[in-house]
Amino acid sequence: MSIPGPYNSKQVAELAPGSKFWGKFMVSEKNQRKTRTGGELTTLRLVDQTGSLEAVVWDNCQLQGDLSKGAVIAMQADTSLYFNRRQITARRIKIFDEDPTPYMPSAPVPRDALVAELHLLTESLADQHLSALMNTILTPECVSQMSITPAAKRIHHNYLGGLLEHTLAVARLCEQASQQYHDINRDLLIAGAILHDIGKIKEFETQVTPEYTVSGKLLGHIVMGCEMVDQAIAQLRRQGHDFPAMLENMIKHLILSHHGSLEFGSPVKPLFPEAFLLHVMDNLDAKMFVYFEKMTLSENAEQYVTPYDSFHQQQFFTYRYQGTEGQEGE
């Protein structure tokens, strides 16, 4: 009997329990543990360009090759219900000697388009001090690194180019907010939006999946971003640029406070309007990413409610009302 496929991860998410399929994926995470009966249980997180899925591998799975993180595999599997949750169980796995890069998720917008938008945004800054700061920090090497760095390891925009995609989304939201609240210093706010996560280019290294650097674990992107600003301003002053001390403090505060509170990693709370707006818009874009992602990964299309998510401490309602445009009344 032939098994349907190849399916990508997005298509697998739509399969009903009891379905069989095969597909090719990259192993982004592998965890092993003993079962109560002494057997071996391996759990895999598999990714491709469309998303990710989790699969379990029992002792009786037919395995050809070394199953390790970063490996490209072909997998035959089936779906079932386990404690009312869908479970994917691998039946056969074959490892391929292939470049994993094509399987690594990346930003849906082309990298060149994101970089071009970033350049337009920085060129729009009329303030000479902020413009000089952007030109000093955003070197071609820095921009190139931004365009491949993820915005997070797991929670949001956790793929190649996710950092730049998220940065630009936050900047767009800040641009709109600056038009609503006319006392906002637009250039200060936009500069903060561009730089708020800049430290992530040093916090993460992208192998087959995002991983923390040693400095990233010890310091975190907020401190590292503030250090980058400090170094850039020191460089400008050595070159004779009279960068205002108060502006330096405000730029650093935008970075240091953008998580909103000590509970979420910021050493200070937002103390002026631009800092508060940046925090809100950063949080908004990250949370909206989560909502849309949960809708695409819904496992129960009929009830429209996802299983309880322990990380986010809630369920997600996935039904989308399409409106009545183009429909005739009864």
C-alpha atoms as a PDB file:
ATOM      1  CA  MET A   1       0.000   0.000   0.000  1.00  0.00           C
ATOM      2  CA  SER A   2       1.404   3.370  -0.985  1.00  0.00           C
ATOM      3  CA  ILE A   3       1.680   6.092   1.658  1.00  0.00           C
ATOM      4  CA  PRO A   4       0.601   9.636   0.617  1.00  0.00           C
ATOM      5  CA  GLY A   5       3.315  12.276   0.313  1.00  0.00           C
ATOM      6  CA  PRO A   6       5.591  14.008   0.292  1.00  0.00           C
ATOM      7  CA  TYR A   7       3.802  16.343   2.715  1.00  0.00           C
ATOM      8  CA  ASN A   8       5.294  19.472   4.220  1.00  0.00           C
ATOM      9  CA  SER A   9       4.816  20.385   7.883  1.00  0.00           C
ATOM     10  CA  LYS A  10       1.905  22.726   7.174  1.00  0.00           C
ATOM     11  CA  GLN A  11       0.057  19.988   5.306  1.00  0.00           C
ATOM     12  CA  VAL A  12       0.786  17.508   8.096  1.00  0.00           C
ATOM     13  CA  ALA A  13      -0.843  19.883  10.590  1.00  0.00           C
ATOM     14  CA  GLU A  14      -4.100  19.559   8.627  1.00  0.00           C
ATOM     15  CA  LEU A  15      -4.172  15.748   8.594  1.00  0.00           C
ATOM     16  CA  ALA A  16      -6.862  13.993  10.606  1.00  0.00           C
ATOM     17  CA  PRO A  17      -6.000  11.394  13.264  1.00  0.00           C
ATOM     18  CA  GLY A  18      -5.531   7.995  11.648  1.00  0.00           C
ATOM     19  CA  SER A  19      -3.787   9.414   8.565  1.00  0.00           C
ATOM     20  CA  LYS A  20      -0.529   8.028   7.234  1.00  0.00           C
ATOM     21  CA  PHE A  21       1.994  10.167   5.346  1.00  0.00           C
ATOM     22  CA  TRP A  22       5.611  10.662   4.442  1.00  0.00           C
ATOM     23  CA  GLY A  23       7.720  13.786   4.050  1.00  0.00           C
ATOM     24  CA  LYS A  24      11.234  15.228   4.182  1.00  0.00           C
ATOM     25  CA  PHE A  25      12.270  17.453   7.070  1.00  0.00           C
ATOM     26  CA  MET A  26      15.254  18.680   9.036  1.00  0.00           C
ATOM     27  CA  VAL A  27      15.747  17.630  12.661  1.00  0.00           C
ATOM     28  CA  SER A  28      15.948  20.846  14.692  1.00  0.00           C
ATOM     29  CA  GLU A  29      15.696  19.236  18.147  1.00  0.00           C
ATOM     30  CA  LYS A  30      16.161  15.718  19.475  1.00  0.00           C
ATOM     31  CA  ASN A  31      15.421  14.547  23.026  1.00  0.00           C
ATOM     32  CA  GLN A  32      15.646  11.043  24.445  1.00  0.00           C
ATOM     33  CA  ARG A  33      14.308   9.536  27.655  1.00  0.00           C
ATOM     34  CA  LYS A  34      13.473   6.231  29.237  1.00  0.00           C
ATOM     35  CA  THR A  35       9.872   5.086  29.482  1.00  0.00           C
ATOM     36  CA  ARG A  36       8.358   3.533  32.596  1.00  0.00           C
ATOM     37  CA  THR A  37       8.855   0.097  31.066  1.00  0.00           C
ATOM     38  CA  GLY A  38      12.541   0.727  30.362  1.00  0.00           C
ATOM     39  CA  GLY A  39      12.188   1.405  26.645  1.00  0.00           C
ATOM     40  CA  GLU A  40      13.679   4.307  24.694  1.00  0.00           C
ATOM     41  CA  LEU A  41      11.501   7.217  23.582  1.00  0.00           C
ATOM     42  CA  THR A  42      12.855   9.891  21.268  1.00  0.00           C
ATOM     43  CA  THR A  43      10.982  13.109  20.550  1.00  0.00           C
ATOM     44  CA  LEU A  44      11.869  15.162  17.495  1.00  0.00           C
ATOM     45  CA  ARG A  45      11.076  18.676  16.404  1.00  0.00           C
ATOM     46  CA  LEU A  46      11.121  18.652  12.604  1.00  0.00           C
ATOM     47  CA  VAL A  47      11.160  21.763  10.417  1.00  0.00           C
ATOM     48  CA  ASP A  48      10.893  22.800   6.807  1.00  0.00           C
ATOM     49  CA  GLN A  49      10.185  26.070   5.008  1.00  0.00           C
ATOM     50  CA  THR A  50       6.489  25.916   5.963  1.00  0.00           C
ATOM     51  CA  GLY A  51       6.813  25.443   9.715  1.00  0.00           C
ATOM     52  CA  SER A  52       7.499  22.728  12.282  1.00  0.00           C
ATOM     53  CA  LEU A  53       6.012  19.599  13.800  1.00  0.00           C
ATOM     54  CA  GLU A  54       6.795  17.221  16.654  1.00  0.00           C
ATOM     55  CA  ALA A  55       7.129  13.464  16.264  1.00  0.00           C
ATOM     56  CA  VAL A  56       7.777  10.564  18.620  1.00  0.00           C
ATOM     57  CA  VAL A  57      10.130   7.719  17.760  1.00  0.00           C
ATOM     58  CA  TRP A  58       9.772   4.387  19.572  1.00  0.00           C
ATOM     59  CA  ASP A  59      12.152   1.432  19.653  1.00  0.00           C
ATOM     60  CA  ASN A  60      10.268  -0.325  16.857  1.00  0.00           C
ATOM     61  CA  CYS A  61      10.788   2.499  14.316  1.00  0.00           C
ATOM     62  CA  GLN A  62      12.828   1.346  11.310  1.00  0.00           C
ATOM     63  CA  LEU A  63      15.842   3.663  11.304  1.00  0.00           C
ATOM     64  CA  GLN A  64      18.498   3.953   8.593  1.00  0.00           C
ATOM     65  CA  GLY A  65      21.421   6.202   9.493  1.00  0.00           C
ATOM     66  CA  ASP A  66      22.469   8.414  12.401  1.00  0.00           C
ATOM     67  CA  LEU A  67      19.500  10.383  13.697  1.00  0.00           C
ATOM     68  CA  SER A  68      21.004  13.634  14.977  1.00  0.00           C
ATOM     69  CA  LYS A  69      20.232  17.327  15.204  1.00  0.00           C
ATOM     70  CA  GLY A  70      20.657  18.986  11.816  1.00  0.00           C
ATOM     71  CA  ALA A  71      20.045  15.808   9.841  1.00  0.00           C
ATOM     72  CA  VAL A  72      17.752  15.803   6.802  1.00  0.00           C
ATOM     73  CA  ILE A  73      15.376  12.867   7.011  1.00  0.00           C
ATOM     74  CA  ALA A  74      12.611  11.172   5.094  1.00  0.00           C
ATOM     75  CA  MET A  75       9.948   9.969   7.515  1.00  0.00           C
ATOM     76  CA  GLN A  76       6.965   7.695   7.182  1.00  0.00           C
ATOM     77  CA  ALA A  77       4.574   8.292  10.041  1.00  0.00           C
ATOM     78  CA  ASP A  78       0.989   8.209  11.171  1.00  0.00           C
ATOM     79  CA  THR A  79      -1.211  10.472  13.257  1.00  0.00           C
ATOM     80  CA  SER A  80      -3.284   9.437  16.249  1.00  0.00           C
ATOM     81  CA  LEU A  81      -4.926  10.844  19.353  1.00  0.00           C
ATOM     82  CA  TYR A  82      -3.070  10.579  22.656  1.00  0.00           C
ATOM     83  CA  PHE A  83      -4.903  12.019  25.685  1.00  0.00           C
ATOM     84  CA  ASN A  84      -7.088  13.965  23.205  1.00  0.00           C
ATOM     85  CA  ARG A  85      -4.062  15.518  21.535  1.00  0.00           C
ATOM     86  CA  ARG A  86      -2.787  14.674  18.088  1.00  0.00           C
ATOM     87  CA  GLN A  87       0.426  12.695  18.080  1.00  0.00           C
ATOM     88  CA  ILE A  88       2.714  11.953  15.150  1.00  0.00           C
ATOM     89  CA  THR A  89       4.487   8.612  15.428  1.00  0.00           C
ATOM     90  CA  ALA A  90       7.411   7.787  13.147  1.00  0.00           C
ATOM     91  CA  ARG A  91       7.356   4.323  11.578  1.00  0.00           C
ATOM     92  CA  ARG A  92      10.335   4.558   9.227  1.00  0.00           C
ATOM     93  CA  ILE A  93      13.155   7.121   9.080  1.00  0.00           C
ATOM     94  CA  LYS A  94      15.958   7.394   6.560  1.00  0.00           C
ATOM     95  CA  ILE A  95      18.766   9.931   6.957  1.00  0.00           C
ATOM     96  CA  PHE A  96      20.068  11.776   3.891  1.00  0.00           C
ATOM     97  CA  ASP A  97      23.451  13.421   3.351  1.00  0.00           C
ATOM     98  CA  GLU A  98      21.954  16.758   2.272  1.00  0.00           C
ATOM     99  CA  ASP A  99      22.514  20.447   2.976  1.00  0.00           C
ATOM    100  CA  PRO A 100      19.921  21.345   5.660  1.00  0.00           C
ATOM    101  CA  THR A 101      19.754  25.024   4.625  1.00  0.00           C
ATOM    102  CA  PRO A 102      16.791  24.642   2.224  1.00  0.00           C
ATOM    103  CA  TYR A 103      14.758  23.139   5.066  1.00  0.00           C
ATOM    104  CA  MET A 104      15.455  25.956   7.542  1.00  0.00           C
ATOM    105  CA  PRO A 105      12.459  28.278   7.986  1.00  0.00           C
ATOM    106  CA  SER A 106      13.074  31.873   6.921  1.00  0.00           C
ATOM    107  CA  ALA A 107      11.219  35.173   6.777  1.00  0.00           C
ATOM    108  CA  PRO A 108       8.387  35.096   4.201  1.00  0.00           C
ATOM    109  CA  VAL A 109       9.519  38.454   2.751  1.00  0.00           C
ATOM    110  CA  PRO A 110      12.641  38.318   0.535  1.00  0.00           C
ATOM    111  CA  ARG A 111      15.799  39.383   2.352  1.00  0.00           C
ATOM    112  CA  ASP A 112      16.661  42.061  -0.225  1.00  0.00           C
ATOM    113  CA  ALA A 113      13.269  43.708   0.278  1.00  0.00           C
ATOM    114  CA  LEU A 114      13.730  43.811   4.047  1.00  0.00           C
ATOM    115  CA  VAL A 115      17.216  45.314   3.745  1.00  0.00           C
ATOM    116  CA  ALA A 116      15.970  47.926   1.266  1.00  0.00           C
ATOM    117  CA  GLU A 117      13.187  48.932   3.666  1.00  0.00           C
ATOM    118  CA  LEU A 118      15.686  49.256   6.515  1.00  0.00           C
ATOM    119  CA  HIS A 119      17.850  51.602   4.421  1.00  0.00           C
ATOM    120  CA  LEU A 120      14.847  53.765   3.533  1.00  0.00           C
ATOM    121  CA  LEU A 121      13.897  53.950   7.183  1.00  0.00           C
ATOM    122  CA  THR A 122      17.340  55.039   8.348  1.00  0.00           C
ATOM    123  CA  GLU A 123      17.589  57.591   5.535  1.00  0.00           C
ATOM    124  CA  SER A 124      14.302  59.125   6.716  1.00  0.00           C
ATOM    125  CA  LEU A 125      15.862  60.273  10.012  1.00  0.00           C
ATOM    126  CA  ALA A 126      16.256  64.043   9.876  1.00  0.00           C
ATOM    127  CA  ASP A 127      18.061  64.346  13.209  1.00  0.00           C
ATOM    128  CA  GLN A 128      21.781  64.561  12.438  1.00  0.00           C
ATOM    129  CA  HIS A 129      22.861  62.858  15.675  1.00  0.00           C
ATOM    130  CA  LEU A 130      20.546  59.896  15.251  1.00  0.00           C
ATOM    131  CA  SER A 131      21.419  59.630  11.580  1.00  0.00           C
ATOM    132  CA  ALA A 132      25.125  59.515  12.431  1.00  0.00           C
ATOM    133  CA  LEU A 133      24.471  56.859  15.071  1.00  0.00           C
ATOM    134  CA  MET A 134      22.564  54.685  12.582  1.00  0.00           C
ATOM    135  CA  ASN A 135      25.344  54.975   9.998  1.00  0.00           C
ATOM    136  CA  THR A 136      27.926  53.981  12.590  1.00  0.00           C
ATOM    137  CA  ILE A 137      26.082  50.926  13.914  1.00  0.00           C
ATOM    138  CA  LEU A 138      24.375  49.681  10.770  1.00  0.00           C
ATOM    139  CA  THR A 139      27.464  48.743   8.801  1.00  0.00           C
ATOM    140  CA  PRO A 140      27.016  46.402   5.822  1.00  0.00           C
ATOM    141  CA  GLU A 141      28.247  43.558   8.029  1.00  0.00           C
ATOM    142  CA  CYS A 142      25.746  44.431  10.780  1.00  0.00           C
ATOM    143  CA  VAL A 143      22.819  44.664   8.344  1.00  0.00           C
ATOM    144  CA  SER A 144      23.816  41.379   6.744  1.00  0.00           C
ATOM    145  CA  GLN A 145      23.828  39.746  10.163  1.00  0.00           C
ATOM    146  CA  MET A 146      20.427  41.250  11.012  1.00  0.00           C
ATOM    147  CA  SER A 147      19.008  39.776   7.814  1.00  0.00           C
ATOM    148  CA  ILE A 148      19.811  36.188   8.862  1.00  0.00           C
ATOM    149  CA  THR A 149      19.429  36.365  12.661  1.00  0.00           C
ATOM    150  CA  PRO A 150      16.229  35.072  14.298  1.00  0.00           C
ATOM    151  CA  ALA A 151      14.262  37.310  16.651  1.00  0.00           C
ATOM    152  CA  ALA A 152      13.991  34.518  19.226  1.00  0.00           C
ATOM    153  CA  LYS A 153      14.913  30.899  19.824  1.00  0.00           C
ATOM    154  CA  ARG A 154      11.326  29.706  19.979  1.00  0.00           C
ATOM    155  CA  ILE A 155       8.553  32.224  20.768  1.00  0.00           C
ATOM    156  CA  HIS A 156       8.274  34.615  17.798  1.00  0.00           C
ATOM    157  CA  HIS A 157       9.980  35.195  14.439  1.00  0.00           C
ATOM    158  CA  ASN A 158      12.295  32.292  15.283  1.00  0.00           C
ATOM    159  CA  TYR A 159      13.714  31.766  11.803  1.00  0.00           C
ATOM    160  CA  LEU A 160      16.326  33.161   9.436  1.00  0.00           C
ATOM    161  CA  GLY A 161      15.729  36.886   8.979  1.00  0.00           C
ATOM    162  CA  GLY A 162      13.176  36.997  11.781  1.00  0.00           C
ATOM    163  CA  LEU A 163      15.063  39.756  13.593  1.00  0.00           C
ATOM    164  CA  LEU A 164      14.954  42.158  10.646  1.00  0.00           C
ATOM    165  CA  GLU A 165      11.331  41.293   9.861  1.00  0.00           C
ATOM    166  CA  HIS A 166      10.307  41.944  13.479  1.00  0.00           C
ATOM    167  CA  THR A 167      12.401  45.134  13.711  1.00  0.00           C
ATOM    168  CA  LEU A 168      10.738  46.624  10.644  1.00  0.00           C
ATOM    169  CA  ALA A 169       7.263  45.623  11.833  1.00  0.00           C
ATOM    170  CA  VAL A 170       7.877  47.387  15.151  1.00  0.00           C
ATOM    171  CA  ALA A 171       9.206  50.448  13.308  1.00  0.00           C
ATOM    172  CA  ARG A 172       6.088  50.596  11.100  1.00  0.00           C
ATOM    173  CA  LEU A 173       3.828  50.429  14.147  1.00  0.00           C
ATOM    174  CA  CYS A 174       5.884  53.173  15.811  1.00  0.00           C
ATOM    175  CA  GLU A 175       5.627  55.312  12.659  1.00  0.00           C
ATOM    176  CA  GLN A 176       1.845  55.099  12.771  1.00  0.00           C
ATOM    177  CA  ALA A 177       1.770  55.866  16.487  1.00  0.00           C
ATOM    178  CA  SER A 178       3.965  58.932  15.994  1.00  0.00           C
ATOM    179  CA  GLN A 179       1.335  60.338  13.614  1.00  0.00           C
ATOM    180  CA  GLN A 180      -1.401  59.809  16.197  1.00  0.00           C
ATOM    181  CA  TYR A 181       0.463  61.407  19.105  1.00  0.00           C
ATOM    182  CA  HIS A 182       1.931  64.639  17.790  1.00  0.00           C
ATOM    183  CA  ASP A 183       4.170  65.390  20.767  1.00  0.00           C
ATOM    184  CA  ILE A 184       6.166  62.230  20.076  1.00  0.00           C
ATOM    185  CA  ASN A 185       9.704  62.702  18.769  1.00  0.00           C
ATOM    186  CA  ARG A 186       9.347  60.589  15.665  1.00  0.00           C
ATOM    187  CA  ASP A 187      13.083  60.233  14.919  1.00  0.00           C
ATOM    188  CA  LEU A 188      13.886  59.199  18.470  1.00  0.00           C
ATOM    189  CA  LEU A 189      11.115  56.611  18.432  1.00  0.00           C
ATOM    190  CA  ILE A 190      12.126  55.174  15.043  1.00  0.00           C
ATOM    191  CA  ALA A 191      15.786  55.028  16.042  1.00  0.00           C
ATOM    192  CA  GLY A 192      14.774  53.132  19.168  1.00  0.00           C
ATOM    193  CA  ALA A 193      12.665  50.734  17.105  1.00  0.00           C
ATOM    194  CA  ILE A 194      15.602  49.978  14.803  1.00  0.00           C
ATOM    195  CA  LEU A 195      18.022  49.434  17.672  1.00  0.00           C
ATOM    196  CA  HIS A 196      15.843  47.841  20.361  1.00  0.00           C
ATOM    197  CA  ASP A 197      16.860  44.264  19.482  1.00  0.00           C
ATOM    198  CA  ILE A 198      20.183  44.973  17.777  1.00  0.00           C
ATOM    199  CA  GLY A 199      22.013  43.013  20.476  1.00  0.00           C
ATOM    200  CA  LYS A 200      20.443  39.814  19.145  1.00  0.00           C
ATOM    201  CA  ILE A 201      22.993  39.676  16.347  1.00  0.00           C
ATOM    202  CA  LYS A 202      25.471  38.852  19.131  1.00  0.00           C
ATOM    203  CA  GLU A 203      23.057  36.935  21.335  1.00  0.00           C
ATOM    204  CA  PHE A 204      22.254  34.256  18.744  1.00  0.00           C
ATOM    205  CA  GLU A 205      24.213  32.166  16.340  1.00  0.00           C
ATOM    206  CA  THR A 206      22.368  30.316  13.623  1.00  0.00           C
ATOM    207  CA  GLN A 207      23.538  26.796  12.987  1.00  0.00           C
ATOM    208  CA  VAL A 208      20.717  24.465  12.026  1.00  0.00           C
ATOM    209  CA  THR A 209      18.554  26.189  14.638  1.00  0.00           C
ATOM    210  CA  PRO A 210      18.935  29.391  16.672  1.00  0.00           C
ATOM    211  CA  GLU A 211      21.298  28.884  19.611  1.00  0.00           C
ATOM    212  CA  TYR A 212      22.541  31.277  22.276  1.00  0.00           C
ATOM    213  CA  THR A 213      26.155  32.371  22.190  1.00  0.00           C
ATOM    214  CA  VAL A 214      28.093  32.279  25.467  1.00  0.00           C
ATOM    215  CA  SER A 215      27.859  36.084  25.674  1.00  0.00           C
ATOM    216  CA  GLY A 216      24.174  35.877  24.827  1.00  0.00           C
ATOM    217  CA  LYS A 217      23.526  33.574  27.767  1.00  0.00           C
ATOM    218  CA  LEU A 218      25.645  35.578  30.200  1.00  0.00           C
ATOM    219  CA  LEU A 219      24.616  39.108  29.187  1.00  0.00           C
ATOM    220  CA  GLY A 220      21.470  38.994  27.035  1.00  0.00           C
ATOM    221  CA  HIS A 221      20.563  41.127  24.033  1.00  0.00           C
ATOM    222  CA  ILE A 222      19.384  44.136  26.046  1.00  0.00           C
ATOM    223  CA  VAL A 223      22.757  44.677  27.700  1.00  0.00           C
ATOM    224  CA  MET A 224      24.649  43.795  24.517  1.00  0.00           C
ATOM    225  CA  GLY A 225      22.578  46.236  22.457  1.00  0.00           C
ATOM    226  CA  CYS A 226      23.237  48.997  24.963  1.00  0.00           C
ATOM    227  CA  GLU A 227      26.958  48.220  24.751  1.00  0.00           C
ATOM    228  CA  MET A 228      26.836  48.517  20.949  1.00  0.00           C
ATOM    229  CA  VAL A 229      25.257  51.975  21.241  1.00  0.00           C
ATOM    230  CA  ASP A 230      27.854  52.976  23.842  1.00  0.00           C
ATOM    231  CA  GLN A 231      30.705  51.902  21.565  1.00  0.00           C
ATOM    232  CA  ALA A 232      29.217  53.645  18.509  1.00  0.00           C
ATOM    233  CA  ILE A 233      28.742  56.948  20.351  1.00  0.00           C
ATOM    234  CA  ALA A 234      32.289  56.761  21.737  1.00  0.00           C
ATOM    235  CA  GLN A 235      33.522  56.269  18.170  1.00  0.00           C
ATOM    236  CA  LEU A 236      31.537  59.285  16.950  1.00  0.00           C
ATOM    237  CA  ARG A 237      32.976  61.462  19.696  1.00  0.00           C
ATOM    238  CA  ARG A 238      36.526  60.375  18.855  1.00  0.00           C
ATOM    239  CA  GLN A 239      35.773  61.518  15.316  1.00  0.00           C
ATOM    240  CA  GLY A 240      34.722  64.950  16.596  1.00  0.00           C
ATOM    241  CA  HIS A 241      30.941  64.476  16.613  1.00  0.00           C
ATOM    242  CA  ASP A 242      29.370  66.290  19.574  1.00  0.00           C
ATOM    243  CA  PHE A 243      26.757  63.644  20.453  1.00  0.00           C
ATOM    244  CA  PRO A 244      24.433  65.020  23.196  1.00  0.00           C
ATOM    245  CA  ALA A 245      24.743  63.240  26.552  1.00  0.00           C
ATOM    246  CA  MET A 246      20.995  63.391  27.235  1.00  0.00           C
ATOM    247  CA  LEU A 247      20.195  61.897  23.841  1.00  0.00           C
ATOM    248  CA  GLU A 248      22.676  59.109  24.556  1.00  0.00           C
ATOM    249  CA  ASN A 249      20.867  58.323  27.806  1.00  0.00           C
ATOM    250  CA  MET A 250      17.474  58.332  26.086  1.00  0.00           C
ATOM    251  CA  ILE A 251      18.580  55.986  23.286  1.00  0.00           C
ATOM    252  CA  LYS A 252      20.038  53.597  25.841  1.00  0.00           C
ATOM    253  CA  HIS A 253      16.854  53.825  27.911  1.00  0.00           C
ATOM    254  CA  LEU A 254      14.775  52.855  24.863  1.00  0.00           C
ATOM    255  CA  ILE A 255      16.801  49.653  24.585  1.00  0.00           C
ATOM    256  CA  LEU A 256      16.987  48.950  28.317  1.00  0.00           C
ATOM    257  CA  SER A 257      13.256  49.435  28.944  1.00  0.00           C
ATOM    258  CA  HIS A 258      11.671  47.854  25.864  1.00  0.00           C
ATOM    259  CA  HIS A 259      10.633  44.659  27.712  1.00  0.00           C
ATOM    260  CA  GLY A 260       8.592  46.842  30.022  1.00  0.00           C
ATOM    261  CA  SER A 261       9.496  45.563  33.471  1.00  0.00           C
ATOM    262  CA  LEU A 262      12.087  43.742  35.539  1.00  0.00           C
ATOM    263  CA  GLU A 263       9.882  40.650  35.449  1.00  0.00           C
ATOM    264  CA  PHE A 264      10.397  40.352  31.695  1.00  0.00           C
ATOM    265  CA  GLY A 265      14.077  41.243  31.572  1.00  0.00           C
ATOM    266  CA  SER A 266      14.257  45.039  31.437  1.00  0.00           C
ATOM    267  CA  PRO A 267      16.395  46.611  34.186  1.00  0.00           C
ATOM    268  CA  VAL A 268      14.225  49.753  34.067  1.00  0.00           C
ATOM    269  CA  LYS A 269      10.621  50.555  33.198  1.00  0.00           C
ATOM    270  CA  PRO A 270       9.788  52.935  30.307  1.00  0.00           C
ATOM    271  CA  LEU A 271       9.997  56.463  31.723  1.00  0.00           C
ATOM    272  CA  PHE A 272       9.044  58.667  28.756  1.00  0.00           C
ATOM    273  CA  PRO A 273       6.406  58.418  26.002  1.00  0.00           C
ATOM    274  CA  GLU A 274       8.679  57.154  23.209  1.00  0.00           C
ATOM    275  CA  ALA A 275      10.009  54.392  25.469  1.00  0.00           C
ATOM    276  CA  PHE A 276       6.501  53.308  26.453  1.00  0.00           C
ATOM    277  CA  LEU A 277       5.310  53.288  22.839  1.00  0.00           C
ATOM    278  CA  LEU A 278       8.316  51.209  21.786  1.00  0.00           C
ATOM    279  CA  HIS A 279       7.612  48.678  24.533  1.00  0.00           C
ATOM    280  CA  VAL A 280       3.938  48.432  23.530  1.00  0.00           C
ATOM    281  CA  MET A 281       4.655  48.050  19.815  1.00  0.00           C
ATOM    282  CA  ASP A 282       7.394  45.491  20.392  1.00  0.00           C
ATOM    283  CA  ASN A 283       5.051  43.465  22.569  1.00  0.00           C
ATOM    284  CA  LEU A 284       2.197  43.871  20.091  1.00  0.00           C
ATOM    285  CA  ASP A 285       4.145  42.513  17.124  1.00  0.00           C
ATOM    286  CA  ALA A 286       5.494  39.573  19.112  1.00  0.00           C
ATOM    287  CA  LYS A 287       2.036  38.676  20.475  1.00  0.00           C
ATOM    288  CA  MET A 288       0.314  38.999  17.089  1.00  0.00           C
ATOM    289  CA  PHE A 289       2.886  36.613  15.626  1.00  0.00           C
ATOM    290  CA  VAL A 290       1.960  34.088  18.320  1.00  0.00           C
ATOM    291  CA  TYR A 291      -1.787  34.408  17.659  1.00  0.00           C
ATOM    292  CA  PHE A 292      -1.447  33.917  13.908  1.00  0.00           C
ATOM    293  CA  GLU A 293       0.983  31.046  14.357  1.00  0.00           C
ATOM    294  CA  LYS A 294      -1.366  29.280  16.775  1.00  0.00           C
ATOM    295  CA  MET A 295      -4.193  29.566  14.242  1.00  0.00           C
ATOM    296  CA  THR A 296      -2.102  27.914  11.532  1.00  0.00           C
ATOM    297  CA  LEU A 297      -1.067  25.115  13.887  1.00  0.00           C
ATOM    298  CA  SER A 298      -4.555  24.438  15.193  1.00  0.00           C
ATOM    299  CA  GLU A 299      -5.164  20.748  15.845  1.00  0.00           C
ATOM    300  CA  ASN A 300      -8.948  20.923  16.226  1.00  0.00           C
ATOM    301  CA  ALA A 301     -10.527  22.764  13.298  1.00  0.00           C
ATOM    302  CA  GLU A 302     -14.039  21.753  14.323  1.00  0.00           C
ATOM    303  CA  GLN A 303     -14.034  23.181  17.839  1.00  0.00           C
ATOM    304  CA  TYR A 304     -11.864  26.181  16.900  1.00  0.00           C
ATOM    305  CA  VAL A 305     -10.030  26.113  20.232  1.00  0.00           C
ATOM    306  CA  THR A 306      -6.425  24.987  20.622  1.00  0.00           C
ATOM    307  CA  PRO A 307      -5.273  22.824  23.524  1.00  0.00           C
ATOM    308  CA  TYR A 308      -4.117  24.772  26.573  1.00  0.00           C
ATOM    309  CA  ASP A 309      -0.714  26.324  25.923  1.00  0.00           C
ATOM    310  CA  SER A 310       1.314  26.106  29.143  1.00  0.00           C
ATOM    311  CA  PHE A 311       3.906  28.647  27.991  1.00  0.00           C
ATOM    312  CA  HIS A 312       1.395  31.348  27.079  1.00  0.00           C
ATOM    313  CA  GLN A 313      -0.998  30.151  29.805  1.00  0.00           C
ATOM    314  CA  GLN A 314      -4.092  30.218  27.612  1.00  0.00           C
ATOM    315  CA  GLN A 315      -5.975  28.613  24.754  1.00  0.00           C
ATOM    316  CA  PHE A 316      -6.387  30.232  21.327  1.00  0.00           C
ATOM    317  CA  PHE A 317      -9.652  30.602  19.406  1.00  0.00           C
ATOM    318  CA  THR A 318      -8.940  29.880  15.729  1.00  0.00           C
ATOM    319  CA  TYR A 319     -12.238  30.542  13.908  1.00  0.00           C
ATOM    320  CA  ARG A 320     -11.940  33.392  11.385  1.00  0.00           C
ATOM    321  CA  TYR A 321     -15.086  35.298  10.446  1.00  0.00           C
ATOM    322  CA  GLN A 322     -14.923  36.104   6.720  1.00  0.00           C
ATOM    323  CA  GLY A 323     -17.675  38.729   6.553  1.00  0.00           C
ATOM    324  CA  THR A 324     -20.578  39.019   4.127  1.00  0.00           C
ATOM    325  CA  GLU A 325     -18.949  40.929   1.290  1.00  0.00           C
ATOM    326  CA  GLY A 326     -20.208  39.610  -2.019  1.00  0.00           C
ATOM    327  CA  GLN A 327     -22.939  37.472  -0.399  1.00  0.00           C
ATOM    328  CA  GLU A 328     -26.588  37.966  -1.233  1.00  0.00           C
ATOM    329  CA  GLY A 329     -29.207  38.169   1.511  1.00  0.00           C
ATOM    330  CA  GLU A 330     -31.845  35.498   1.877  1.00  0.00           C
END
